[in-house]
């Protein structure tokens, strides 16, 4: 994963970078695998979209915030986000928080 380019999320999500691990370049037919890296204090925006996604935490401590509440996350935690559900992920620790995120191909355009 180290040699995969990191894309800074800029003004949308300061302190968050993304890596497309398996995606359009590999001509995948169905899903895209991405890695998100959140610096301490960083968060993804509060948002929703028309597709589901699955999350697996690979490093650090975080928080999944959804319409039904909050869930503490740590290495090995998994989260299912249904389509059209408002959600956000936050780094809740003092070190890097990293997670794998799987979405349909249309979610990575």
PDB file of N, CA and C in Angstrom:
ATOM      1  N   UNK A   1       0.818  -1.194   0.000  1.00  0.00           N
ATOM      2  CA  UNK A   1       0.000   0.000   0.000  1.00  0.00           C
ATOM      3  C   UNK A   1       0.863   1.260   0.000  1.00  0.00           C
ATOM      4  N   UNK A   2       2.097   1.120   0.378  1.00  0.00           N
ATOM      5  CA  UNK A   2       2.962   2.291   0.470  1.00  0.00           C
ATOM      6  C   UNK A   2       3.256   2.917  -0.887  1.00  0.00           C
ATOM      7  N   UNK A   3       3.303   2.095  -1.953  1.00  0.00           N
ATOM      8  CA  UNK A   3       3.644   2.644  -3.258  1.00  0.00           C
ATOM      9  C   UNK A   3       2.430   3.133  -4.041  1.00  0.00           C
ATOM     10  N   UNK A   4       1.235   3.034  -3.480  1.00  0.00           N
ATOM     11  CA  UNK A   4       0.022   3.537  -4.111  1.00  0.00           C
ATOM     12  C   UNK A   4      -0.078   5.032  -3.812  1.00  0.00           C
ATOM     13  N   UNK A   5      -0.296   5.867  -4.837  1.00  0.00           N
ATOM     14  CA  UNK A   5      -0.373   7.317  -4.595  1.00  0.00           C
ATOM     15  C   UNK A   5      -1.432   7.685  -3.565  1.00  0.00           C
ATOM     16  N   UNK A   6      -1.109   8.697  -2.764  1.00  0.00           N
ATOM     17  CA  UNK A   6      -2.046   9.218  -1.770  1.00  0.00           C
ATOM     18  C   UNK A   6      -2.660  10.498  -2.319  1.00  0.00           C
ATOM     19  N   UNK A   7      -3.979  10.590  -2.205  1.00  0.00           N
ATOM     20  CA  UNK A   7      -4.715  11.744  -2.705  1.00  0.00           C
ATOM     21  C   UNK A   7      -5.224  12.524  -1.497  1.00  0.00           C
ATOM     22  N   UNK A   8      -4.741  13.755  -1.341  1.00  0.00           N
ATOM     23  CA  UNK A   8      -5.198  14.596  -0.233  1.00  0.00           C
ATOM     24  C   UNK A   8      -6.632  15.031  -0.502  1.00  0.00           C
ATOM     25  N   UNK A   9      -7.468  14.962   0.529  1.00  0.00           N
ATOM     26  CA  UNK A   9      -8.877  15.328   0.373  1.00  0.00           C
ATOM     27  C   UNK A   9      -9.101  16.838   0.510  1.00  0.00           C
ATOM     28  N   UNK A  10      -8.016  17.585   0.714  1.00  0.00           N
ATOM     29  CA  UNK A  10      -8.040  19.046   0.668  1.00  0.00           C
ATOM     30  C   UNK A  10      -9.037  19.718   1.579  1.00  0.00           C
ATOM     31  N   UNK A  11      -9.729  20.735   1.029  1.00  0.00           N
ATOM     32  CA  UNK A  11     -10.681  21.520   1.808  1.00  0.00           C
ATOM     33  C   UNK A  11     -11.898  20.714   2.234  1.00  0.00           C
ATOM     34  N   UNK A  12     -12.208  19.644   1.507  1.00  0.00           N
ATOM     35  CA  UNK A  12     -13.370  18.815   1.833  1.00  0.00           C
ATOM     36  C   UNK A  12     -13.147  18.074   3.151  1.00  0.00           C
ATOM     37  N   UNK A  13     -11.930  17.581   3.349  1.00  0.00           N
ATOM     38  CA  UNK A  13     -11.611  16.820   4.560  1.00  0.00           C
ATOM     39  C   UNK A  13     -10.134  17.023   4.906  1.00  0.00           C
ATOM     40  N   UNK A  14      -9.788  18.154   5.520  1.00  0.00           N
ATOM     41  CA  UNK A  14      -8.390  18.397   5.887  1.00  0.00           C
ATOM     42  C   UNK A  14      -7.849  17.288   6.783  1.00  0.00           C
ATOM     43  N   UNK A  15      -6.633  16.850   6.511  1.00  0.00           N
ATOM     44  CA  UNK A  15      -6.005  15.806   7.309  1.00  0.00           C
ATOM     45  C   UNK A  15      -6.379  14.400   6.891  1.00  0.00           C
ATOM     46  N   UNK A  16      -7.158  14.270   5.797  1.00  0.00           N
ATOM     47  CA  UNK A  16      -7.573  12.967   5.303  1.00  0.00           C
ATOM     48  C   UNK A  16      -6.956  12.735   3.924  1.00  0.00           C
ATOM     49  N   UNK A  17      -6.359  11.556   3.741  1.00  0.00           N
ATOM     50  CA  UNK A  17      -5.860  11.166   2.424  1.00  0.00           C
ATOM     51  C   UNK A  17      -6.513   9.849   2.023  1.00  0.00           C
ATOM     52  N   UNK A  18      -6.532   9.610   0.709  1.00  0.00           N
ATOM     53  CA  UNK A  18      -7.162   8.417   0.160  1.00  0.00           C
ATOM     54  C   UNK A  18      -6.188   7.739  -0.791  1.00  0.00           C
ATOM     55  N   UNK A  19      -6.214   6.420  -0.777  1.00  0.00           N
ATOM     56  CA  UNK A  19      -5.483   5.613  -1.754  1.00  0.00           C
ATOM     57  C   UNK A  19      -6.483   4.686  -2.436  1.00  0.00           C
ATOM     58  N   UNK A  20      -6.472   4.638  -3.756  1.00  0.00           N
ATOM     59  CA  UNK A  20      -7.302   3.681  -4.484  1.00  0.00           C
ATOM     60  C   UNK A  20      -6.431   2.442  -4.685  1.00  0.00           C
ATOM     61  N   UNK A  21      -6.685   1.405  -3.901  1.00  0.00           N
ATOM     62  CA  UNK A  21      -5.855   0.199  -3.912  1.00  0.00           C
ATOM     63  C   UNK A  21      -6.195  -0.711  -5.086  1.00  0.00           C
ATOM     64  N   UNK A  22      -7.479  -0.884  -5.352  1.00  0.00           N
ATOM     65  CA  UNK A  22      -7.952  -1.651  -6.504  1.00  0.00           C
ATOM     66  C   UNK A  22      -9.109  -0.852  -7.077  1.00  0.00           C
ATOM     67  N   UNK A  23      -8.993  -0.447  -8.344  1.00  0.00           N
ATOM     68  CA  UNK A  23     -10.027   0.412  -8.898  1.00  0.00           C
ATOM     69  C   UNK A  23     -10.038   0.455 -10.406  1.00  0.00           C
ATOM     70  N   UNK A  24     -10.422   1.603 -10.958  1.00  0.00           N
ATOM     71  CA  UNK A  24     -10.550   1.741 -12.402  1.00  0.00           C
ATOM     72  C   UNK A  24      -9.295   1.344 -13.188  1.00  0.00           C
ATOM     73  N   UNK A  25      -8.128   1.609 -12.651  1.00  0.00           N
ATOM     74  CA  UNK A  25      -6.886   1.252 -13.357  1.00  0.00           C
ATOM     75  C   UNK A  25      -6.764  -0.255 -13.564  1.00  0.00           C
ATOM     76  N   UNK A  26      -7.343  -1.023 -12.661  1.00  0.00           N
ATOM     77  CA  UNK A  26      -7.317  -2.488 -12.765  1.00  0.00           C
ATOM     78  C   UNK A  26      -8.528  -3.030 -13.520  1.00  0.00           C
ATOM     79  N   UNK A  27      -9.372  -2.125 -14.018  1.00  0.00           N
ATOM     80  CA  UNK A  27     -10.575  -2.498 -14.783  1.00  0.00           C
ATOM     81  C   UNK A  27     -11.483  -3.466 -14.017  1.00  0.00           C
ATOM     82  N   UNK A  28     -11.670  -3.172 -12.733  1.00  0.00           N
ATOM     83  CA  UNK A  28     -12.541  -4.019 -11.910  1.00  0.00           C
ATOM     84  C   UNK A  28     -13.995  -3.872 -12.359  1.00  0.00           C
ATOM     85  N   UNK A  29     -14.768  -4.959 -12.328  1.00  0.00           N
ATOM     86  CA  UNK A  29     -16.137  -4.887 -12.825  1.00  0.00           C
ATOM     87  C   UNK A  29     -17.170  -4.422 -11.800  1.00  0.00           C
ATOM     88  N   UNK A  30     -16.895  -4.575 -10.495  1.00  0.00           N
ATOM     89  CA  UNK A  30     -17.962  -4.366  -9.527  1.00  0.00           C
ATOM     90  C   UNK A  30     -17.602  -3.429  -8.377  1.00  0.00           C
ATOM     91  N   UNK A  31     -16.496  -3.705  -7.670  1.00  0.00           N
ATOM     92  CA  UNK A  31     -16.160  -2.936  -6.474  1.00  0.00           C
ATOM     93  C   UNK A  31     -14.786  -2.301  -6.562  1.00  0.00           C
ATOM     94  N   UNK A  32     -14.619  -1.224  -5.794  1.00  0.00           N
ATOM     95  CA  UNK A  32     -13.352  -0.513  -5.658  1.00  0.00           C
ATOM     96  C   UNK A  32     -12.929  -0.606  -4.191  1.00  0.00           C
ATOM     97  N   UNK A  33     -11.632  -0.894  -3.973  1.00  0.00           N
ATOM     98  CA  UNK A  33     -11.085  -0.938  -2.613  1.00  0.00           C
ATOM     99  C   UNK A  33     -10.227   0.300  -2.408  1.00  0.00           C
ATOM    100  N   UNK A  34     -10.553   1.056  -1.356  1.00  0.00           N
ATOM    101  CA  UNK A  34      -9.819   2.274  -1.044  1.00  0.00           C
ATOM    102  C   UNK A  34      -9.331   2.221   0.397  1.00  0.00           C
ATOM    103  N   UNK A  35      -8.263   2.963   0.650  1.00  0.00           N
ATOM    104  CA  UNK A  35      -7.762   3.119   2.020  1.00  0.00           C
ATOM    105  C   UNK A  35      -7.836   4.594   2.358  1.00  0.00           C
ATOM    106  N   UNK A  36      -8.461   4.904   3.487  1.00  0.00           N
ATOM    107  CA  UNK A  36      -8.502   6.278   3.974  1.00  0.00           C
ATOM    108  C   UNK A  36      -7.608   6.381   5.196  1.00  0.00           C
ATOM    109  N   UNK A  37      -6.836   7.453   5.264  1.00  0.00           N
ATOM    110  CA  UNK A  37      -5.891   7.695   6.344  1.00  0.00           C
ATOM    111  C   UNK A  37      -6.257   9.042   6.969  1.00  0.00           C
ATOM    112  N   UNK A  38      -6.591   9.026   8.250  1.00  0.00           N
ATOM    113  CA  UNK A  38      -7.000  10.245   8.946  1.00  0.00           C
ATOM    114  C   UNK A  38      -5.974  10.590  10.017  1.00  0.00           C
ATOM    115  N   UNK A  39      -5.454  11.794   9.957  1.00  0.00           N
ATOM    116  CA  UNK A  39      -4.535  12.277  10.981  1.00  0.00           C
ATOM    117  C   UNK A  39      -5.327  12.523  12.266  1.00  0.00           C
ATOM    118  N   UNK A  40      -4.644  12.588  13.412  1.00  0.00           N
ATOM    119  CA  UNK A  40      -5.348  12.894  14.661  1.00  0.00           C
ATOM    120  C   UNK A  40      -6.200  14.161  14.517  1.00  0.00           C
ATOM    121  N   UNK A  41      -7.449  14.079  14.954  1.00  0.00           N
ATOM    122  CA  UNK A  41      -8.358  15.216  14.876  1.00  0.00           C
ATOM    123  C   UNK A  41      -9.102  15.354  13.554  1.00  0.00           C
ATOM    124  N   UNK A  42      -8.725  14.576  12.546  1.00  0.00           N
ATOM    125  CA  UNK A  42      -9.344  14.687  11.225  1.00  0.00           C
ATOM    126  C   UNK A  42     -10.646  13.886  11.143  1.00  0.00           C
ATOM    127  N   UNK A  43     -11.492  14.266  10.191  1.00  0.00           N
ATOM    128  CA  UNK A  43     -12.767  13.583   9.984  1.00  0.00           C
ATOM    129  C   UNK A  43     -13.178  13.691   8.518  1.00  0.00           C
ATOM    130  N   UNK A  44     -13.954  12.720   8.078  1.00  0.00           N
ATOM    131  CA  UNK A  44     -14.567  12.817   6.760  1.00  0.00           C
ATOM    132  C   UNK A  44     -15.775  13.744   6.899  1.00  0.00           C
ATOM    133  N   UNK A  45     -16.268  14.300   5.794  1.00  0.00           N
ATOM    134  CA  UNK A  45     -17.449  15.162   5.909  1.00  0.00           C
ATOM    135  C   UNK A  45     -18.707  14.367   6.278  1.00  0.00           C
ATOM    136  N   UNK A  46     -19.678  15.035   6.867  1.00  0.00           N
ATOM    137  CA  UNK A  46     -21.002  14.460   7.129  1.00  0.00           C
ATOM    138  C   UNK A  46     -21.677  14.403   5.771  1.00  0.00           C
ATOM    139  N   UNK A  47     -21.978  13.189   5.289  1.00  0.00           N
ATOM    140  CA  UNK A  47     -22.475  13.056   3.920  1.00  0.00           C
ATOM    141  C   UNK A  47     -23.296  11.782   3.732  1.00  0.00           C
ATOM    142  N   UNK A  48     -23.882  11.647   2.561  1.00  0.00           N
ATOM    143  CA  UNK A  48     -24.578  10.427   2.169  1.00  0.00           C
ATOM    144  C   UNK A  48     -24.439  10.257   0.666  1.00  0.00           C
ATOM    145  N   UNK A  49     -24.731   9.050   0.197  1.00  0.00           N
ATOM    146  CA  UNK A  49     -24.694   8.754  -1.232  1.00  0.00           C
ATOM    147  C   UNK A  49     -25.621   7.589  -1.521  1.00  0.00           C
ATOM    148  N   UNK A  50     -25.821   7.294  -2.780  1.00  0.00           N
ATOM    149  CA  UNK A  50     -26.810   6.292  -3.191  1.00  0.00           C
ATOM    150  C   UNK A  50     -26.319   4.855  -3.110  1.00  0.00           C
ATOM    151  N   UNK A  51     -25.076   4.630  -2.698  1.00  0.00           N
ATOM    152  CA  UNK A  51     -24.546   3.278  -2.653  1.00  0.00           C
ATOM    153  C   UNK A  51     -24.134   2.906  -1.235  1.00  0.00           C
ATOM    154  N   UNK A  52     -24.122   1.613  -0.983  1.00  0.00           N
ATOM    155  CA  UNK A  52     -23.623   1.098   0.292  1.00  0.00           C
ATOM    156  C   UNK A  52     -22.102   1.119   0.280  1.00  0.00           C
ATOM    157  N   UNK A  53     -21.512   0.997   1.453  1.00  0.00           N
ATOM    158  CA  UNK A  53     -20.100   0.656   1.526  1.00  0.00           C
ATOM    159  C   UNK A  53     -19.792  -0.069   2.819  1.00  0.00           C
ATOM    160  N   UNK A  54     -18.668  -0.768   2.759  1.00  0.00           N
ATOM    161  CA  UNK A  54     -18.204  -1.561   3.884  1.00  0.00           C
ATOM    162  C   UNK A  54     -16.853  -1.022   4.323  1.00  0.00           C
ATOM    163  N   UNK A  55     -16.649  -0.967   5.623  1.00  0.00           N
ATOM    164  CA  UNK A  55     -15.431  -0.416   6.212  1.00  0.00           C
ATOM    165  C   UNK A  55     -14.777  -1.481   7.092  1.00  0.00           C
ATOM    166  N   UNK A  56     -13.446  -1.541   7.057  1.00  0.00           N
ATOM    167  CA  UNK A  56     -12.676  -2.373   7.968  1.00  0.00           C
ATOM    168  C   UNK A  56     -11.515  -1.532   8.493  1.00  0.00           C
ATOM    169  N   UNK A  57     -11.456  -1.356   9.792  1.00  0.00           N
ATOM    170  CA  UNK A  57     -10.399  -0.547  10.404  1.00  0.00           C
ATOM    171  C   UNK A  57      -9.115  -1.362  10.455  1.00  0.00           C
ATOM    172  N   UNK A  58      -8.021  -0.766   9.984  1.00  0.00           N
ATOM    173  CA  UNK A  58      -6.732  -1.463   9.977  1.00  0.00           C
ATOM    174  C   UNK A  58      -5.695  -0.828  10.904  1.00  0.00           C
ATOM    175  N   UNK A  59      -6.002   0.378  11.426  1.00  0.00           N
ATOM    176  CA  UNK A  59      -5.045   1.022  12.315  1.00  0.00           C
ATOM    177  C   UNK A  59      -5.724   2.110  13.131  1.00  0.00           C
ATOM    178  N   UNK A  60      -5.364   2.222  14.395  1.00  0.00           N
ATOM    179  CA  UNK A  60      -5.793   3.331  15.232  1.00  0.00           C
ATOM    180  C   UNK A  60      -7.171   3.180  15.841  1.00  0.00           C
ATOM    181  N   UNK A  61      -7.666   4.310  16.360  1.00  0.00           N
ATOM    182  CA  UNK A  61      -8.985   4.378  16.986  1.00  0.00           C
ATOM    183  C   UNK A  61      -9.815   5.421  16.270  1.00  0.00           C
ATOM    184  N   UNK A  62     -11.079   5.100  16.056  1.00  0.00           N
ATOM    185  CA  UNK A  62     -11.948   6.032  15.362  1.00  0.00           C
ATOM    186  C   UNK A  62     -13.360   5.985  15.875  1.00  0.00           C
ATOM    187  N   UNK A  63     -14.183   6.733  15.196  1.00  0.00           N
ATOM    188  CA  UNK A  63     -15.583   6.837  15.544  1.00  0.00           C
ATOM    189  C   UNK A  63     -16.391   6.874  14.256  1.00  0.00           C
ATOM    190  N   UNK A  64     -17.396   5.997  14.155  1.00  0.00           N
ATOM    191  CA  UNK A  64     -18.350   6.045  13.048  1.00  0.00           C
ATOM    192  C   UNK A  64     -19.580   6.770  13.568  1.00  0.00           C
ATOM    193  N   UNK A  65     -19.969   7.819  12.895  1.00  0.00           N
ATOM    194  CA  UNK A  65     -21.134   8.598  13.288  1.00  0.00           C
ATOM    195  C   UNK A  65     -22.187   8.407  12.212  1.00  0.00           C
ATOM    196  N   UNK A  66     -23.372   7.981  12.616  1.00  0.00           N
ATOM    197  CA  UNK A  66     -24.454   7.766  11.670  1.00  0.00           C
ATOM    198  C   UNK A  66     -25.760   8.319  12.199  1.00  0.00           C
ATOM    199  N   UNK A  67     -26.801   8.165  11.420  1.00  0.00           N
ATOM    200  CA  UNK A  67     -28.113   8.666  11.808  1.00  0.00           C
ATOM    201  C   UNK A  67     -28.633   7.993  13.070  1.00  0.00           C
ATOM    202  N   UNK A  68     -28.148   6.784  13.354  1.00  0.00           N
ATOM    203  CA  UNK A  68     -28.632   6.031  14.518  1.00  0.00           C
ATOM    204  C   UNK A  68     -27.696   6.144  15.723  1.00  0.00           C
ATOM    205  N   UNK A  69     -26.651   6.950  15.604  1.00  0.00           N
ATOM    206  CA  UNK A  69     -25.755   7.116  16.731  1.00  0.00           C
ATOM    207  C   UNK A  69     -24.296   6.975  16.362  1.00  0.00           C
ATOM    208  N   UNK A  70     -23.474   6.685  17.375  1.00  0.00           N
ATOM    209  CA  UNK A  70     -22.027   6.597  17.213  1.00  0.00           C
ATOM    210  C   UNK A  70     -21.549   5.200  17.565  1.00  0.00           C
ATOM    211  N   UNK A  71     -20.460   4.792  16.932  1.00  0.00           N
ATOM    212  CA  UNK A  71     -19.853   3.494  17.227  1.00  0.00           C
ATOM    213  C   UNK A  71     -18.350   3.688  17.345  1.00  0.00           C
ATOM    214  N   UNK A  72     -17.791   3.228  18.471  1.00  0.00           N
ATOM    215  CA  UNK A  72     -16.340   3.275  18.662  1.00  0.00           C
ATOM    216  C   UNK A  72     -15.690   2.247  17.740  1.00  0.00           C
ATOM    217  N   UNK A  73     -14.583   2.617  17.134  1.00  0.00           N
ATOM    218  CA  UNK A  73     -13.882   1.740  16.202  1.00  0.00           C
ATOM    219  C   UNK A  73     -12.434   1.557  16.628  1.00  0.00           C
ATOM    220  N   UNK A  74     -11.909   0.361  16.374  1.00  0.00           N
ATOM    221  CA  UNK A  74     -10.485   0.075  16.590  1.00  0.00           C
ATOM    222  C   UNK A  74     -10.077  -0.956  15.549  1.00  0.00           C
ATOM    223  N   UNK A  75      -8.813  -1.272  15.510  1.00  0.00           N
ATOM    224  CA  UNK A  75      -8.321  -2.239  14.534  1.00  0.00           C
ATOM    225  C   UNK A  75      -9.178  -3.511  14.558  1.00  0.00           C
ATOM    226  N   UNK A  76      -9.639  -3.913  13.373  1.00  0.00           N
ATOM    227  CA  UNK A  76     -10.479  -5.091  13.256  1.00  0.00           C
ATOM    228  C   UNK A  76     -11.975  -4.803  13.255  1.00  0.00           C
ATOM    229  N   UNK A  77     -12.369  -3.602  13.654  1.00  0.00           N
ATOM    230  CA  UNK A  77     -13.790  -3.241  13.621  1.00  0.00           C
ATOM    231  C   UNK A  77     -14.276  -3.172  12.177  1.00  0.00           C
ATOM    232  N   UNK A  78     -15.533  -3.555  11.965  1.00  0.00           N
ATOM    233  CA  UNK A  78     -16.139  -3.450  10.642  1.00  0.00           C
ATOM    234  C   UNK A  78     -17.446  -2.665  10.752  1.00  0.00           C
ATOM    235  N   UNK A  79     -17.778  -1.962   9.666  1.00  0.00           N
ATOM    236  CA  UNK A  79     -18.984  -1.140   9.635  1.00  0.00           C
ATOM    237  C   UNK A  79     -19.639  -1.295   8.270  1.00  0.00           C
ATOM    238  N   UNK A  80     -20.955  -1.462   8.271  1.00  0.00           N
ATOM    239  CA  UNK A  80     -21.741  -1.435   7.038  1.00  0.00           C
ATOM    240  C   UNK A  80     -22.510  -0.123   7.013  1.00  0.00           C
ATOM    241  N   UNK A  81     -22.368   0.641   5.930  1.00  0.00           N
ATOM    242  CA  UNK A  81     -23.109   1.890   5.765  1.00  0.00           C
ATOM    243  C   UNK A  81     -24.122   1.682   4.641  1.00  0.00           C
ATOM    244  N   UNK A  82     -25.411   1.680   4.961  1.00  0.00           N
ATOM    245  CA  UNK A  82     -26.428   1.474   3.929  1.00  0.00           C
ATOM    246  C   UNK A  82     -26.521   2.664   2.971  1.00  0.00           C
ATOM    247  N   UNK A  83     -27.088   2.443   1.805  1.00  0.00           N
ATOM    248  CA  UNK A  83     -27.293   3.563   0.874  1.00  0.00           C
ATOM    249  C   UNK A  83     -28.147   4.660   1.521  1.00  0.00           C
ATOM    250  N   UNK A  84     -27.823   5.893   1.190  1.00  0.00           N
ATOM    251  CA  UNK A  84     -28.581   7.085   1.601  1.00  0.00           C
ATOM    252  C   UNK A  84     -28.572   7.360   3.108  1.00  0.00           C
ATOM    253  N   UNK A  85     -27.684   6.736   3.852  1.00  0.00           N
ATOM    254  CA  UNK A  85     -27.580   7.043   5.285  1.00  0.00           C
ATOM    255  C   UNK A  85     -26.509   8.101   5.504  1.00  0.00           C
ATOM    256  N   UNK A  86     -26.859   9.163   6.219  1.00  0.00           N
ATOM    257  CA  UNK A  86     -25.876  10.187   6.578  1.00  0.00           C
ATOM    258  C   UNK A  86     -24.841   9.543   7.487  1.00  0.00           C
ATOM    259  N   UNK A  87     -23.557   9.862   7.247  1.00  0.00           N
ATOM    260  CA  UNK A  87     -22.499   9.252   8.047  1.00  0.00           C
ATOM    261  C   UNK A  87     -21.212  10.068   7.982  1.00  0.00           C
ATOM    262  N   UNK A  88     -20.312   9.727   8.890  1.00  0.00           N
ATOM    263  CA  UNK A  88     -19.026  10.396   8.993  1.00  0.00           C
ATOM    264  C   UNK A  88     -18.088   9.502   9.791  1.00  0.00           C
ATOM    265  N   UNK A  89     -16.800   9.584   9.494  1.00  0.00           N
ATOM    266  CA  UNK A  89     -15.791   8.863  10.253  1.00  0.00           C
ATOM    267  C   UNK A  89     -14.816   9.876  10.839  1.00  0.00           C
ATOM    268  N   UNK A  90     -14.435   9.652  12.104  1.00  0.00           N
ATOM    269  CA  UNK A  90     -13.530  10.566  12.799  1.00  0.00           C
ATOM    270  C   UNK A  90     -12.372   9.795  13.407  1.00  0.00           C
ATOM    271  N   UNK A  91     -11.215  10.421  13.444  1.00  0.00           N
ATOM    272  CA  UNK A  91     -10.085   9.869  14.179  1.00  0.00           C
ATOM    273  C   UNK A  91     -10.307  10.231  15.644  1.00  0.00           C
ATOM    274  N   UNK A  92     -10.429   9.223  16.497  1.00  0.00           N
ATOM    275  CA  UNK A  92     -10.694   9.452  17.916  1.00  0.00           C
ATOM    276  C   UNK A  92      -9.462   9.179  18.777  1.00  0.00           C
ATOM    277  N   UNK A  93      -8.301   9.077  18.137  1.00  0.00           N
ATOM    278  CA  UNK A  93      -7.089   8.767  18.880  1.00  0.00           C
ATOM    279  C   UNK A  93      -6.000   9.798  18.693  1.00  0.00           C
ATOM    280  N   UNK A  94      -4.833   9.466  19.186  1.00  0.00           N
ATOM    281  CA  UNK A  94      -3.672  10.365  19.104  1.00  0.00           C
ATOM    282  C   UNK A  94      -2.706   9.952  18.010  1.00  0.00           C
ATOM    283  N   UNK A  95      -3.036   8.857  17.312  1.00  0.00           N
ATOM    284  CA  UNK A  95      -2.189   8.375  16.224  1.00  0.00           C
ATOM    285  C   UNK A  95      -3.044   8.288  14.954  1.00  0.00           C
ATOM    286  N   UNK A  96      -2.443   7.885  13.871  1.00  0.00           N
ATOM    287  CA  UNK A  96      -3.146   7.747  12.597  1.00  0.00           C
ATOM    288  C   UNK A  96      -4.277   6.726  12.700  1.00  0.00           C
ATOM    289  N   UNK A  97      -5.412   7.052  12.102  1.00  0.00           N
ATOM    290  CA  UNK A  97      -6.556   6.151  11.973  1.00  0.00           C
ATOM    291  C   UNK A  97      -6.661   5.794  10.491  1.00  0.00           C
ATOM    292  N   UNK A  98      -6.703   4.500  10.194  1.00  0.00           N
ATOM    293  CA  UNK A  98      -6.708   4.051   8.804  1.00  0.00           C
ATOM    294  C   UNK A  98      -7.775   2.977   8.621  1.00  0.00           C
ATOM    295  N   UNK A  99      -8.478   3.041   7.490  1.00  0.00           N
ATOM    296  CA  UNK A  99      -9.538   2.064   7.229  1.00  0.00           C
ATOM    297  C   UNK A  99      -9.608   1.734   5.745  1.00  0.00           C
ATOM    298  N   UNK A 100     -10.000   0.496   5.467  1.00  0.00           N
ATOM    299  CA  UNK A 100     -10.307   0.086   4.109  1.00  0.00           C
ATOM    300  C   UNK A 100     -11.778   0.376   3.866  1.00  0.00           C
ATOM    301  N   UNK A 101     -12.112   0.815   2.674  1.00  0.00           N
ATOM    302  CA  UNK A 101     -13.478   1.167   2.321  1.00  0.00           C
ATOM    303  C   UNK A 101     -13.785   0.559   0.960  1.00  0.00           C
ATOM    304  N   UNK A 102     -14.818  -0.272   0.899  1.00  0.00           N
ATOM    305  CA  UNK A 102     -15.242  -0.888  -0.354  1.00  0.00           C
ATOM    306  C   UNK A 102     -16.528  -0.231  -0.821  1.00  0.00           C
ATOM    307  N   UNK A 103     -16.537   0.190  -2.086  1.00  0.00           N
ATOM    308  CA  UNK A 103     -17.722   0.823  -2.686  1.00  0.00           C
ATOM    309  C   UNK A 103     -17.921   0.264  -4.091  1.00  0.00           C
ATOM    310  N   UNK A 104     -19.147   0.367  -4.635  1.00  0.00           N
ATOM    311  CA  UNK A 104     -19.330   0.000  -6.030  1.00  0.00           C
ATOM    312  C   UNK A 104     -18.495   0.915  -6.925  1.00  0.00           C
ATOM    313  N   UNK A 105     -18.169   0.465  -8.094  1.00  0.00           N
ATOM    314  CA  UNK A 105     -17.340   1.243  -9.017  1.00  0.00           C
ATOM    315  C   UNK A 105     -17.882   2.652  -9.218  1.00  0.00           C
ATOM    316  N   UNK A 106     -19.200   2.815  -9.278  1.00  0.00           N
ATOM    317  CA  UNK A 106     -19.768   4.145  -9.487  1.00  0.00           C
ATOM    318  C   UNK A 106     -19.488   5.082  -8.317  1.00  0.00           C
ATOM    319  N   UNK A 107     -19.065   4.538  -7.166  1.00  0.00           N
ATOM    320  CA  UNK A 107     -18.714   5.362  -6.014  1.00  0.00           C
ATOM    321  C   UNK A 107     -17.314   5.941  -6.092  1.00  0.00           C
ATOM    322  N   UNK A 108     -16.543   5.543  -7.074  1.00  0.00           N
ATOM    323  CA  UNK A 108     -15.159   6.039  -7.230  1.00  0.00           C
ATOM    324  C   UNK A 108     -14.982   6.548  -8.660  1.00  0.00           C
ATOM    325  N   UNK A 109     -15.635   7.631  -8.963  1.00  0.00           N
ATOM    326  CA  UNK A 109     -15.530   8.214 -10.306  1.00  0.00           C
ATOM    327  C   UNK A 109     -14.817   9.520 -10.269  1.00  0.00           C
TER     328      UNK A 109
END
